[in-house]
Amino acid sequence: MEEVILRFLVGGLIVSVFAVLGDLFEPKSFAGIFGAAPSVALATLALTISSKGKGYAALELRATVAGAIAFFVYASAVARTLMSYNLPAILVASILTTLWMAIAAGLWAVLLR
């Protein structure tokens, strides 16, 4: 229970800092980007280092990078598909989620296993 409260506090603090930083820059849409995944990843990384050490955190961070690469390809594919075809966003995002999962699984199998 103690770790959950600590995660909540550290995560909330880092998300807030990134949201404020994002709000300082133009365009304002950066606030959402800065307030989401990077801040959560940093909070998790800090807690992992403090509880399990740097070696374990480095190993786990490799998986985070692989997931980020897979997400980048997914987001790029969704954006390109939506710009090229007149399809509903929910349909494109849902179908291309399989691309994200396939790339993440492939990177895990090749690089992280």
C-alpha atoms as a PDB file:
ATOM      1  CA  MET A   1       0.000   0.000   0.000  1.00  0.00           C
ATOM      2  CA  GLU A   2       2.875   2.312   0.820  1.00  0.00           C
ATOM      3  CA  GLU A   3       4.374   1.872  -2.646  1.00  0.00           C
ATOM      4  CA  VAL A   4       1.037   2.677  -4.309  1.00  0.00           C
ATOM      5  CA  ILE A   5       0.768   5.948  -2.394  1.00  0.00           C
ATOM      6  CA  LEU A   6       4.376   6.814  -3.250  1.00  0.00           C
ATOM      7  CA  ARG A   7       3.746   6.058  -6.936  1.00  0.00           C
ATOM      8  CA  PHE A   8       0.662   8.247  -6.852  1.00  0.00           C
ATOM      9  CA  LEU A   9       2.499  11.180  -5.280  1.00  0.00           C
ATOM     10  CA  VAL A  10       5.652  10.969  -7.402  1.00  0.00           C
ATOM     11  CA  GLY A  11       3.674  10.328 -10.575  1.00  0.00           C
ATOM     12  CA  GLY A  12       1.327  13.220  -9.871  1.00  0.00           C
ATOM     13  CA  LEU A  13       4.204  15.570  -9.136  1.00  0.00           C
ATOM     14  CA  ILE A  14       6.094  14.680 -12.321  1.00  0.00           C
ATOM     15  CA  VAL A  15       2.953  14.823 -14.469  1.00  0.00           C
ATOM     16  CA  SER A  16       2.191  18.276 -13.027  1.00  0.00           C
ATOM     17  CA  VAL A  17       5.715  19.553 -13.722  1.00  0.00           C
ATOM     18  CA  PHE A  18       5.605  18.313 -17.312  1.00  0.00           C
ATOM     19  CA  ALA A  19       2.123  19.769 -17.827  1.00  0.00           C
ATOM     20  CA  VAL A  20       3.314  23.182 -16.624  1.00  0.00           C
ATOM     21  CA  LEU A  21       6.378  22.968 -18.880  1.00  0.00           C
ATOM     22  CA  GLY A  22       4.186  21.986 -21.813  1.00  0.00           C
ATOM     23  CA  ASP A  23       1.874  24.901 -21.124  1.00  0.00           C
ATOM     24  CA  LEU A  24       4.785  27.330 -21.405  1.00  0.00           C
ATOM     25  CA  PHE A  25       5.521  26.397 -25.015  1.00  0.00           C
ATOM     26  CA  GLU A  26       3.633  26.847 -28.267  1.00  0.00           C
ATOM     27  CA  PRO A  27       1.528  25.145 -29.536  1.00  0.00           C
ATOM     28  CA  LYS A  28      -0.493  24.433 -26.428  1.00  0.00           C
ATOM     29  CA  SER A  29      -1.080  20.852 -27.571  1.00  0.00           C
ATOM     30  CA  PHE A  30       2.410  20.082 -26.228  1.00  0.00           C
ATOM     31  CA  ALA A  31       0.957  20.261 -22.713  1.00  0.00           C
ATOM     32  CA  GLY A  32      -0.935  17.024 -23.313  1.00  0.00           C
ATOM     33  CA  ILE A  33       2.064  15.302 -24.809  1.00  0.00           C
ATOM     34  CA  PHE A  34       4.410  16.382 -22.027  1.00  0.00           C
ATOM     35  CA  GLY A  35       1.863  15.579 -19.338  1.00  0.00           C
ATOM     36  CA  ALA A  36       1.338  11.993 -20.418  1.00  0.00           C
ATOM     37  CA  ALA A  37       3.738   9.186 -21.234  1.00  0.00           C
ATOM     38  CA  PRO A  38       7.156  10.789 -20.603  1.00  0.00           C
ATOM     39  CA  SER A  39       6.251  11.909 -17.126  1.00  0.00           C
ATOM     40  CA  VAL A  40       4.690   8.593 -16.170  1.00  0.00           C
ATOM     41  CA  ALA A  41       7.739   6.747 -17.517  1.00  0.00           C
ATOM     42  CA  LEU A  42      10.074   8.981 -15.492  1.00  0.00           C
ATOM     43  CA  ALA A  43       8.050   8.490 -12.324  1.00  0.00           C
ATOM     44  CA  THR A  44       8.082   4.734 -12.800  1.00  0.00           C
ATOM     45  CA  LEU A  45      11.808   4.797 -13.549  1.00  0.00           C
ATOM     46  CA  ALA A  46      12.570   6.776 -10.384  1.00  0.00           C
ATOM     47  CA  LEU A  47      10.522   4.396  -8.246  1.00  0.00           C
ATOM     48  CA  THR A  48      12.074   1.331  -9.887  1.00  0.00           C
ATOM     49  CA  ILE A  49      15.593   2.630  -9.259  1.00  0.00           C
ATOM     50  CA  SER A  50      14.795   3.348  -5.628  1.00  0.00           C
ATOM     51  CA  SER A  51      13.159  -0.024  -4.993  1.00  0.00           C
ATOM     52  CA  LYS A  52      15.070  -2.467  -7.221  1.00  0.00           C
ATOM     53  CA  GLY A  53      18.300  -0.739  -8.229  1.00  0.00           C
ATOM     54  CA  LYS A  54      19.844   0.733 -11.361  1.00  0.00           C
ATOM     55  CA  GLY A  55      20.572  -2.580 -13.093  1.00  0.00           C
ATOM     56  CA  TYR A  56      16.971  -3.739 -12.939  1.00  0.00           C
ATOM     57  CA  ALA A  57      15.716  -0.293 -13.993  1.00  0.00           C
ATOM     58  CA  ALA A  58      18.052  -0.278 -17.018  1.00  0.00           C
ATOM     59  CA  LEU A  59      16.713  -3.656 -18.094  1.00  0.00           C
ATOM     60  CA  GLU A  60      13.132  -2.484 -17.729  1.00  0.00           C
ATOM     61  CA  LEU A  61      13.858   0.753 -19.566  1.00  0.00           C
ATOM     62  CA  ARG A  62      14.865  -1.227 -22.651  1.00  0.00           C
ATOM     63  CA  ALA A  63      11.305  -2.538 -22.784  1.00  0.00           C
ATOM     64  CA  THR A  64       9.997   1.023 -22.446  1.00  0.00           C
ATOM     65  CA  VAL A  65      12.097   2.127 -25.415  1.00  0.00           C
ATOM     66  CA  ALA A  66      10.890  -0.828 -27.500  1.00  0.00           C
ATOM     67  CA  GLY A  67       7.289   0.053 -26.670  1.00  0.00           C
ATOM     68  CA  ALA A  68       7.900   3.693 -27.588  1.00  0.00           C
ATOM     69  CA  ILE A  69       9.334   2.685 -30.956  1.00  0.00           C
ATOM     70  CA  ALA A  70       6.320   0.467 -31.611  1.00  0.00           C
ATOM     71  CA  PHE A  71       3.962   3.279 -30.585  1.00  0.00           C
ATOM     72  CA  PHE A  72       5.730   5.773 -32.860  1.00  0.00           C
ATOM     73  CA  VAL A  73       5.264   3.475 -35.860  1.00  0.00           C
ATOM     74  CA  TYR A  74       1.609   2.915 -34.880  1.00  0.00           C
ATOM     75  CA  ALA A  75       0.876   6.634 -34.434  1.00  0.00           C
ATOM     76  CA  SER A  76       2.581   7.451 -37.738  1.00  0.00           C
ATOM     77  CA  ALA A  77       0.572   4.777 -39.540  1.00  0.00           C
ATOM     78  CA  VAL A  78      -2.695   6.014 -38.000  1.00  0.00           C
ATOM     79  CA  ALA A  79      -1.934   9.626 -38.929  1.00  0.00           C
ATOM     80  CA  ARG A  80      -0.954   8.735 -42.500  1.00  0.00           C
ATOM     81  CA  THR A  81      -4.019   6.532 -42.980  1.00  0.00           C
ATOM     82  CA  LEU A  82      -6.374   9.183 -41.619  1.00  0.00           C
ATOM     83  CA  MET A  83      -4.853  11.852 -43.863  1.00  0.00           C
ATOM     84  CA  SER A  84      -4.991   9.635 -46.944  1.00  0.00           C
ATOM     85  CA  TYR A  85      -8.431   8.057 -46.598  1.00  0.00           C
ATOM     86  CA  ASN A  86     -11.798   9.212 -45.337  1.00  0.00           C
ATOM     87  CA  LEU A  87     -12.182   6.569 -42.629  1.00  0.00           C
ATOM     88  CA  PRO A  88     -13.461   6.843 -39.037  1.00  0.00           C
ATOM     89  CA  ALA A  89     -10.612   7.424 -36.587  1.00  0.00           C
ATOM     90  CA  ILE A  90     -11.881   4.774 -34.167  1.00  0.00           C
ATOM     91  CA  LEU A  91     -11.814   2.160 -36.931  1.00  0.00           C
ATOM     92  CA  VAL A  92      -8.291   3.037 -38.092  1.00  0.00           C
ATOM     93  CA  ALA A  93      -6.909   3.253 -34.552  1.00  0.00           C
ATOM     94  CA  SER A  94      -8.538  -0.034 -33.556  1.00  0.00           C
ATOM     95  CA  ILE A  95      -7.339  -1.977 -36.581  1.00  0.00           C
ATOM     96  CA  LEU A  96      -3.809  -0.586 -36.478  1.00  0.00           C
ATOM     97  CA  THR A  97      -3.477  -1.468 -32.798  1.00  0.00           C
ATOM     98  CA  THR A  98      -2.522  -4.908 -34.075  1.00  0.00           C
ATOM     99  CA  LEU A  99       0.437  -3.254 -35.850  1.00  0.00           C
ATOM    100  CA  TRP A 100       1.552  -1.710 -32.564  1.00  0.00           C
ATOM    101  CA  MET A 101       1.303  -5.023 -30.741  1.00  0.00           C
ATOM    102  CA  ALA A 102       3.069  -6.930 -33.530  1.00  0.00           C
ATOM    103  CA  ILE A 103       5.993  -4.505 -33.598  1.00  0.00           C
ATOM    104  CA  ALA A 104       6.277  -4.500 -29.800  1.00  0.00           C
ATOM    105  CA  ALA A 105       6.209  -8.308 -29.707  1.00  0.00           C
ATOM    106  CA  GLY A 106       8.756  -8.498 -32.516  1.00  0.00           C
ATOM    107  CA  LEU A 107      11.130  -6.085 -30.772  1.00  0.00           C
ATOM    108  CA  TRP A 108      10.743  -8.048 -27.554  1.00  0.00           C
ATOM    109  CA  ALA A 109      11.472 -11.339 -29.297  1.00  0.00           C
ATOM    110  CA  VAL A 110      14.511  -9.996 -31.131  1.00  0.00           C
ATOM    111  CA  LEU A 111      16.042  -7.551 -28.659  1.00  0.00           C
ATOM    112  CA  LEU A 112      14.760  -8.202 -25.163  1.00  0.00           C
ATOM    113  CA  ARG A 113      14.306 -11.923 -24.735  1.00  0.00           C
END
